């Protein structure tokens, strides 16, 4: 079984997240969103865990719910922050004998070598990187690059929201 997982704060989830899962549906047996309570080296999300999960549920089309899941592992974990290697270990136990693929954006791909247990991560999973620009990235034998020129980010959405709130 091919399992694709996509982790992050999803603060908020947006159309690009939806386009990513839609693109991956033909490549996998299960696509799993794994929202985190707190990402390492980032501040806490601006809305609650339950609000972010509710927004992810709204993002998933009803016809896709048999294949696209939201897993609460990182939200419910006692480890704060949770590290990706812990999530990979959890998924490998949950989906025994499956091929696990980690979905990342270019920004996370470029920072991957700084992640806790980076060398273990690249041995345990296949990486699918959605490249937001047409520039070529340095080839890595363990990464499948997908051109995805959709310029939107949760950070930019939060900035616009805060600017709007401050002006009203």
Foldseek 3Di string as FASTA:
>chain_A
DEEEEEEEQCLPPDDLNLVVVVVCPVVGQAYEYEYAQADPPDDGRPDHPVVRVVNVVVSDDPVCDVRYYYDDPRVPDPDVRDFVVVVLVVVCVVDPPYAYEYEEEPVCVVCLVVGVPSVVVLVRHAYEYAYQDPDDDPDDPRYHYDDDNDDDDSVVVVVVVVVVVVVD
